[in-house]
PDB file of all heavy atoms in Angstrom:
ATOM      1  N   GLY A   1     132.487 133.066 124.331  1.00  0.00           N
ATOM      2  CA  GLY A   1     132.684 131.625 124.241  1.00  0.00           C
ATOM      3  C   GLY A   1     133.933 131.290 123.455  1.00  0.00           C
ATOM      4  O   GLY A   1     134.690 130.382 123.818  1.00  0.00           O
ATOM      5  N   GLY A   2     134.202 132.023 122.372  1.00  0.00           N
ATOM      6  CA  GLY A   2     135.385 131.793 121.548  1.00  0.00           C
ATOM      7  C   GLY A   2     136.647 132.092 122.315  1.00  0.00           C
ATOM      8  O   GLY A   2     137.638 131.343 122.213  1.00  0.00           O
ATOM      9  N   ILE A   3     136.655 133.180 123.077  1.00  0.00           N
ATOM     10  CA  ILE A   3     137.846 133.567 123.862  1.00  0.00           C
ATOM     11  C   ILE A   3     138.154 132.481 124.888  1.00  0.00           C
ATOM     12  O   ILE A   3     139.341 132.150 125.110  1.00  0.00           O
ATOM     13  CB  ILE A   3     137.633 134.926 124.530  1.00  0.00           C
ATOM     14  CG1 ILE A   3     137.654 136.026 123.467  1.00  0.00           C
ATOM     15  CG2 ILE A   3     138.707 135.193 125.587  1.00  0.00           C
ATOM     16  CD1 ILE A   3     137.299 137.399 123.989  1.00  0.00           C
ATOM     17  N   ILE A   4     137.115 131.918 125.501  1.00  0.00           N
ATOM     18  CA  ILE A   4     137.341 130.846 126.473  1.00  0.00           C
ATOM     19  C   ILE A   4     138.032 129.660 125.770  1.00  0.00           C
ATOM     20  O   ILE A   4     138.971 129.065 126.300  1.00  0.00           O
ATOM     21  CB  ILE A   4     136.000 130.384 127.126  1.00  0.00           C
ATOM     22  CG1 ILE A   4     135.390 131.490 127.944  1.00  0.00           C
ATOM     23  CG2 ILE A   4     136.231 129.131 127.968  1.00  0.00           C
ATOM     24  CD1 ILE A   4     134.020 131.190 128.461  1.00  0.00           C
ATOM     25  N   GLY A   5     137.554 129.343 124.547  1.00  0.00           N
ATOM     26  CA  GLY A   5     138.176 128.266 123.764  1.00  0.00           C
ATOM     27  C   GLY A   5     139.629 128.556 123.456  1.00  0.00           C
ATOM     28  O   GLY A   5     140.508 127.694 123.518  1.00  0.00           O
ATOM     29  N   LEU A   6     139.932 129.813 123.064  1.00  0.00           N
ATOM     30  CA  LEU A   6     141.314 130.220 122.744  1.00  0.00           C
ATOM     31  C   LEU A   6     142.199 130.138 123.987  1.00  0.00           C
ATOM     32  O   LEU A   6     143.370 129.706 123.896  1.00  0.00           O
ATOM     33  CB  LEU A   6     141.335 131.627 122.192  1.00  0.00           C
ATOM     34  CG  LEU A   6     140.741 131.814 120.788  1.00  0.00           C
ATOM     35  CD1 LEU A   6     140.614 133.292 120.435  1.00  0.00           C
ATOM     36  CD2 LEU A   6     141.621 131.099 119.743  1.00  0.00           C
ATOM     37  N   VAL A   7     141.666 130.532 125.115  1.00  0.00           N
ATOM     38  CA  VAL A   7     142.447 130.455 126.377  1.00  0.00           C
ATOM     39  C   VAL A   7     142.799 129.017 126.683  1.00  0.00           C
ATOM     40  O   VAL A   7     143.904 128.692 127.114  1.00  0.00           O
ATOM     41  CB  VAL A   7     141.678 131.113 127.554  1.00  0.00           C
ATOM     42  CG1 VAL A   7     142.347 130.819 128.878  1.00  0.00           C
ATOM     43  CG2 VAL A   7     141.552 132.630 127.330  1.00  0.00           C
ATOM     44  N   LEU A   8     141.836 128.118 126.475  1.00  0.00           N
ATOM     45  CA  LEU A   8     142.082 126.674 126.734  1.00  0.00           C
ATOM     46  C   LEU A   8     143.182 126.169 125.795  1.00  0.00           C
ATOM     47  O   LEU A   8     144.073 125.394 126.218  1.00  0.00           O
ATOM     48  CB  LEU A   8     140.787 125.879 126.515  1.00  0.00           C
ATOM     49  CG  LEU A   8     139.702 126.077 127.560  1.00  0.00           C
ATOM     50  CD1 LEU A   8     138.432 125.310 127.161  1.00  0.00           C
ATOM     51  CD2 LEU A   8     140.170 125.625 128.948  1.00  0.00           C
ATOM     52  N   VAL A   9     143.155 126.579 124.526  1.00  0.00           N
ATOM     53  CA  VAL A   9     144.192 126.168 123.563  1.00  0.00           C
ATOM     54  C   VAL A   9     145.537 126.702 124.019  1.00  0.00           C
ATOM     55  O   VAL A   9     146.568 125.964 124.000  1.00  0.00           O
ATOM     56  CB  VAL A   9     143.879 126.664 122.154  1.00  0.00           C
ATOM     57  CG1 VAL A   9     145.038 126.367 121.211  1.00  0.00           C
ATOM     58  CG2 VAL A   9     142.608 126.053 121.623  1.00  0.00           C
ATOM     59  N   TRP A  10     145.575 127.930 124.482  1.00  0.00           N
ATOM     60  CA  TRP A  10     146.842 128.548 124.926  1.00  0.00           C
ATOM     61  C   TRP A  10     147.393 127.799 126.134  1.00  0.00           C
ATOM     62  O   TRP A  10     148.602 127.491 126.205  1.00  0.00           O
ATOM     63  CB  TRP A  10     146.619 130.008 125.296  1.00  0.00           C
ATOM     64  CG  TRP A  10     147.853 130.659 125.834  1.00  0.00           C
ATOM     65  CD1 TRP A  10     148.956 131.098 125.149  1.00  0.00           C
ATOM     66  CD2 TRP A  10     148.119 130.923 127.216  1.00  0.00           C
ATOM     67  NE1 TRP A  10     149.887 131.619 125.986  1.00  0.00           N
ATOM     68  CE2 TRP A  10     149.409 131.530 127.263  1.00  0.00           C
ATOM     69  CE3 TRP A  10     147.431 130.728 128.388  1.00  0.00           C
ATOM     70  CZ2 TRP A  10     149.988 131.931 128.474  1.00  0.00           C
ATOM     71  CZ3 TRP A  10     147.991 131.130 129.609  1.00  0.00           C
ATOM     72  CH2 TRP A  10     149.267 131.729 129.634  1.00  0.00           C
ATOM     73  N   ILE A  11     146.525 127.462 127.104  1.00  0.00           N
ATOM     74  CA  ILE A  11     146.968 126.722 128.311  1.00  0.00           C
ATOM     75  C   ILE A  11     147.548 125.383 127.914  1.00  0.00           C
ATOM     76  O   ILE A  11     148.625 124.996 128.379  1.00  0.00           O
ATOM     77  CB  ILE A  11     145.782 126.556 129.291  1.00  0.00           C
ATOM     78  CG1 ILE A  11     145.379 127.895 129.884  1.00  0.00           C
ATOM     79  CG2 ILE A  11     146.178 125.576 130.426  1.00  0.00           C
ATOM     80  CD1 ILE A  11     144.123 127.852 130.728  1.00  0.00           C
ATOM     81  N   ILE A  12     146.845 124.677 127.026  1.00  0.00           N
ATOM     82  CA  ILE A  12     147.311 123.356 126.606  1.00  0.00           C
ATOM     83  C   ILE A  12     148.627 123.471 125.835  1.00  0.00           C
ATOM     84  O   ILE A  12     149.511 122.643 125.972  1.00  0.00           O
ATOM     85  CB  ILE A  12     146.232 122.653 125.730  1.00  0.00           C
ATOM     86  CG1 ILE A  12     145.045 122.287 126.627  1.00  0.00           C
ATOM     87  CG2 ILE A  12     146.792 121.418 125.038  1.00  0.00           C
ATOM     88  CD1 ILE A  12     143.893 121.670 125.865  1.00  0.00           C
ATOM     89  N   SER A  13     148.757 124.519 124.992  1.00  0.00           N
ATOM     90  CA  SER A  13     150.007 124.725 124.258  1.00  0.00           C
ATOM     91  C   SER A  13     151.177 124.959 125.173  1.00  0.00           C
ATOM     92  O   SER A  13     152.279 124.435 124.914  1.00  0.00           O
ATOM     93  CB  SER A  13     149.845 125.893 123.264  1.00  0.00           C
ATOM     94  OG  SER A  13     149.771 127.113 123.941  1.00  0.00           O
ATOM     95  N   VAL A  14     150.969 125.714 126.224  1.00  0.00           N
ATOM     96  CA  VAL A  14     152.050 125.972 127.200  1.00  0.00           C
ATOM     97  C   VAL A  14     152.437 124.670 127.913  1.00  0.00           C
ATOM     98  O   VAL A  14     153.637 124.367 128.057  1.00  0.00           O
ATOM     99  CB  VAL A  14     151.617 127.031 128.205  1.00  0.00           C
ATOM    100  CG1 VAL A  14     152.643 127.145 129.336  1.00  0.00           C
ATOM    101  CG2 VAL A  14     151.441 128.384 127.553  1.00  0.00           C
ATOM    102  N   VAL A  15     151.430 123.908 128.335  1.00  0.00           N
ATOM    103  CA  VAL A  15     151.689 122.659 129.048  1.00  0.00           C
ATOM    104  C   VAL A  15     152.413 121.666 128.158  1.00  0.00           C
ATOM    105  O   VAL A  15     153.413 121.045 128.562  1.00  0.00           O
ATOM    106  CB  VAL A  15     150.366 122.016 129.573  1.00  0.00           C
ATOM    107  CG1 VAL A  15     150.620 120.643 130.147  1.00  0.00           C
ATOM    108  CG2 VAL A  15     149.735 122.953 130.624  1.00  0.00           C
ATOM    109  N   LEU A  16     151.930 121.479 126.911  1.00  0.00           N
ATOM    110  CA  LEU A  16     152.565 120.527 125.995  1.00  0.00           C
ATOM    111  C   LEU A  16     153.985 120.916 125.646  1.00  0.00           C
ATOM    112  O   LEU A  16     154.852 120.050 125.497  1.00  0.00           O
ATOM    113  CB  LEU A  16     151.710 120.398 124.738  1.00  0.00           C
ATOM    114  CG  LEU A  16     150.371 119.683 124.859  1.00  0.00           C
ATOM    115  CD1 LEU A  16     149.652 119.633 123.532  1.00  0.00           C
ATOM    116  CD2 LEU A  16     150.547 118.266 125.400  1.00  0.00           C
ATOM    117  N   THR A  17     154.222 122.215 125.485  1.00  0.00           N
ATOM    118  CA  THR A  17     155.580 122.687 125.153  1.00  0.00           C
ATOM    119  C   THR A  17     156.553 122.342 126.287  1.00  0.00           C
ATOM    120  O   THR A  17     157.713 122.005 126.037  1.00  0.00           O
ATOM    121  CB  THR A  17     155.579 124.205 124.897  1.00  0.00           C
ATOM    122  OG1 THR A  17     154.725 124.482 123.790  1.00  0.00           O
ATOM    123  CG2 THR A  17     156.973 124.697 124.545  1.00  0.00           C
ATOM    124  N   LYS A  18     156.062 122.434 127.534  1.00  0.00           N
ATOM    125  CA  LYS A  18     156.953 122.136 128.665  1.00  0.00           C
ATOM    126  C   LYS A  18     157.120 120.652 128.887  1.00  0.00           C
ATOM    127  O   LYS A  18     158.199 120.181 129.236  1.00  0.00           O
ATOM    128  CB  LYS A  18     156.378 122.791 129.938  1.00  0.00           C
ATOM    129  CG  LYS A  18     156.498 124.297 129.964  1.00  0.00           C
ATOM    130  CD  LYS A  18     156.035 124.888 131.266  1.00  0.00           C
ATOM    131  CE  LYS A  18     156.221 126.403 131.296  1.00  0.00           C
ATOM    132  NZ  LYS A  18     155.790 126.998 132.583  1.00  0.00           N
ATOM    133  N   VAL A  19     156.032 119.884 128.682  1.00  0.00           N
ATOM    134  CA  VAL A  19     156.078 118.436 128.931  1.00  0.00           C
ATOM    135  C   VAL A  19     156.813 117.713 127.802  1.00  0.00           C
ATOM    136  O   VAL A  19     157.654 116.830 128.040  1.00  0.00           O
ATOM    137  CB  VAL A  19     154.655 117.855 129.100  1.00  0.00           C
ATOM    138  CG1 VAL A  19     154.684 116.342 129.164  1.00  0.00           C
ATOM    139  CG2 VAL A  19     154.025 118.421 130.366  1.00  0.00           C
ATOM    140  N   LEU A  20     156.499 118.069 126.546  1.00  0.00           N
ATOM    141  CA  LEU A  20     157.081 117.419 125.378  1.00  0.00           C
ATOM    142  C   LEU A  20     158.231 118.276 124.835  1.00  0.00           C
ATOM    143  O   LEU A  20     158.288 119.492 125.037  1.00  0.00           O
ATOM    144  CB  LEU A  20     156.036 117.228 124.278  1.00  0.00           C
ATOM    145  CG  LEU A  20     154.749 116.486 124.671  1.00  0.00           C
ATOM    146  CD1 LEU A  20     153.790 116.497 123.500  1.00  0.00           C
ATOM    147  CD2 LEU A  20     155.069 115.085 125.091  1.00  0.00           C
ATOM    148  N   ASP A  21     159.154 117.625 124.161  1.00  0.00           N
ATOM    149  CA  ASP A  21     160.232 118.347 123.531  1.00  0.00           C
ATOM    150  C   ASP A  21     159.753 118.794 122.102  1.00  0.00           C
ATOM    151  O   ASP A  21     160.296 118.413 121.088  1.00  0.00           O
ATOM    152  CB  ASP A  21     161.482 117.461 123.401  1.00  0.00           C
ATOM    153  CG  ASP A  21     162.710 118.239 123.018  1.00  0.00           C
ATOM    154  OD1 ASP A  21     162.611 119.492 122.934  1.00  0.00           O
ATOM    155  OD2 ASP A  21     163.762 117.643 122.786  1.00  0.00           O
ATOM    156  N   PHE A  22     158.699 119.591 122.135  1.00  0.00           N
ATOM    157  CA  PHE A  22     158.068 120.037 120.891  1.00  0.00           C
ATOM    158  C   PHE A  22     157.424 121.380 121.160  1.00  0.00           C
ATOM    159  O   PHE A  22     156.653 121.552 122.125  1.00  0.00           O
ATOM    160  CB  PHE A  22     157.013 119.008 120.448  1.00  0.00           C
ATOM    161  CG  PHE A  22     156.295 119.391 119.198  1.00  0.00           C
ATOM    162  CD1 PHE A  22     156.864 119.108 117.964  1.00  0.00           C
ATOM    163  CD2 PHE A  22     155.052 120.018 119.241  1.00  0.00           C
ATOM    164  CE1 PHE A  22     156.190 119.437 116.771  1.00  0.00           C
ATOM    165  CE2 PHE A  22     154.380 120.361 118.075  1.00  0.00           C
ATOM    166  CZ  PHE A  22     154.967 120.089 116.857  1.00  0.00           C
ATOM    167  N   GLU A  23     157.748 122.369 120.320  1.00  0.00           N
ATOM    168  CA  GLU A  23     157.213 123.712 120.523  1.00  0.00           C
ATOM    169  C   GLU A  23     155.832 123.841 119.896  1.00  0.00           C
ATOM    170  O   GLU A  23     155.662 123.860 118.687  1.00  0.00           O
ATOM    171  CB  GLU A  23     158.159 124.740 119.902  1.00  0.00           C
ATOM    172  CG  GLU A  23     157.761 126.185 120.210  1.00  0.00           C
ATOM    173  CD  GLU A  23     158.698 127.195 119.622  1.00  0.00           C
ATOM    174  OE1 GLU A  23     159.612 126.787 118.888  1.00  0.00           O
ATOM    175  OE2 GLU A  23     158.517 128.391 119.892  1.00  0.00           O
ATOM    176  N   PHE A  24     154.793 123.875 120.763  1.00  0.00           N
ATOM    177  CA  PHE A  24     153.435 124.018 120.344  1.00  0.00           C
ATOM    178  C   PHE A  24     153.097 125.509 120.327  1.00  0.00           C
ATOM    179  O   PHE A  24     153.089 126.148 121.383  1.00  0.00           O
ATOM    180  CB  PHE A  24     152.504 123.262 121.288  1.00  0.00           C
ATOM    181  CG  PHE A  24     151.103 123.073 120.783  1.00  0.00           C
ATOM    182  CD1 PHE A  24     150.710 121.863 120.234  1.00  0.00           C
ATOM    183  CD2 PHE A  24     150.171 124.099 120.842  1.00  0.00           C
ATOM    184  CE1 PHE A  24     149.437 121.657 119.746  1.00  0.00           C
ATOM    185  CE2 PHE A  24     148.886 123.921 120.368  1.00  0.00           C
ATOM    186  CZ  PHE A  24     148.514 122.697 119.845  1.00  0.00           C
ATOM    187  N   VAL A  25     152.834 126.078 119.162  1.00  0.00           N
ATOM    188  CA  VAL A  25     152.726 127.533 119.051  1.00  0.00           C
ATOM    189  C   VAL A  25     151.298 127.927 118.655  1.00  0.00           C
ATOM    190  O   VAL A  25     150.708 127.382 117.724  1.00  0.00           O
ATOM    191  CB  VAL A  25     153.696 128.083 117.953  1.00  0.00           C
ATOM    192  CG1 VAL A  25     153.525 129.586 117.838  1.00  0.00           C
ATOM    193  CG2 VAL A  25     155.098 127.704 118.306  1.00  0.00           C
ATOM    194  N   LEU A  26     150.710 128.848 119.437  1.00  0.00           N
ATOM    195  CA  LEU A  26     149.429 129.443 119.099  1.00  0.00           C
ATOM    196  C   LEU A  26     149.699 130.786 118.487  1.00  0.00           C
ATOM    197  O   LEU A  26     149.945 131.781 119.182  1.00  0.00           O
ATOM    198  CB  LEU A  26     148.525 129.568 120.365  1.00  0.00           C
ATOM    199  CG  LEU A  26     147.185 130.254 120.162  1.00  0.00           C
ATOM    200  CD1 LEU A  26     146.321 129.510 119.154  1.00  0.00           C
ATOM    201  CD2 LEU A  26     146.431 130.409 121.471  1.00  0.00           C
ATOM    202  N   GLY A  27     149.684 130.864 117.174  1.00  0.00           N
ATOM    203  CA  GLY A  27     150.029 132.097 116.450  1.00  0.00           C
ATOM    204  C   GLY A  27     148.922 133.135 116.497  1.00  0.00           C
ATOM    205  O   GLY A  27     147.746 132.817 116.694  1.00  0.00           O
ATOM    206  N   MET A  28     149.315 134.380 116.289  1.00  0.00           N
ATOM    207  CA  MET A  28     148.349 135.463 116.285  1.00  0.00           C
ATOM    208  C   MET A  28     147.322 135.298 115.168  1.00  0.00           C
ATOM    209  O   MET A  28     146.165 135.683 115.350  1.00  0.00           O
ATOM    210  CB  MET A  28     149.099 136.803 116.123  1.00  0.00           C
ATOM    211  CG  MET A  28     148.186 138.028 116.180  1.00  0.00           C
ATOM    212  SD  MET A  28     147.165 138.109 117.713  1.00  0.00           S
ATOM    213  CE  MET A  28     148.457 138.294 118.954  1.00  0.00           C
ATOM    214  N   GLY A  29     147.739 134.719 114.047  1.00  0.00           N
ATOM    215  CA  GLY A  29     146.803 134.514 112.962  1.00  0.00           C
ATOM    216  C   GLY A  29     145.670 133.592 113.384  1.00  0.00           C
ATOM    217  O   GLY A  29     144.503 133.824 113.037  1.00  0.00           O
ATOM    218  N   ASN A  30     145.967 132.532 114.141  1.00  0.00           N
ATOM    219  CA  ASN A  30     144.927 131.622 114.596  1.00  0.00           C
ATOM    220  C   ASN A  30     144.062 132.281 115.659  1.00  0.00           C
ATOM    221  O   ASN A  30     142.867 131.973 115.766  1.00  0.00           O
ATOM    222  CB  ASN A  30     145.583 130.349 115.162  1.00  0.00           C
ATOM    223  CG  ASN A  30     146.088 129.427 114.058  1.00  0.00           C
ATOM    224  OD1 ASN A  30     145.539 129.415 112.954  1.00  0.00           O
ATOM    225  ND2 ASN A  30     147.118 128.676 114.336  1.00  0.00           N
ATOM    226  N   VAL A  31     144.644 133.133 116.493  1.00  0.00           N
ATOM    227  CA  VAL A  31     143.835 133.877 117.471  1.00  0.00           C
ATOM    228  C   VAL A  31     142.812 134.770 116.790  1.00  0.00           C
ATOM    229  O   VAL A  31     141.641 134.815 117.146  1.00  0.00           O
ATOM    230  CB  VAL A  31     144.757 134.708 118.389  1.00  0.00           C
ATOM    231  CG1 VAL A  31     143.925 135.636 119.296  1.00  0.00           C
ATOM    232  CG2 VAL A  31     145.633 133.811 119.261  1.00  0.00           C
TER     233      VAL A  31
END
């Protein structure tokens, strides 16, 4: 369940980084 949540965060971070001029980073520490 947690991995699914992390994958969702990663997908959203990639989308937001491309759409917005802002680097949304999912760091290894948070993973």
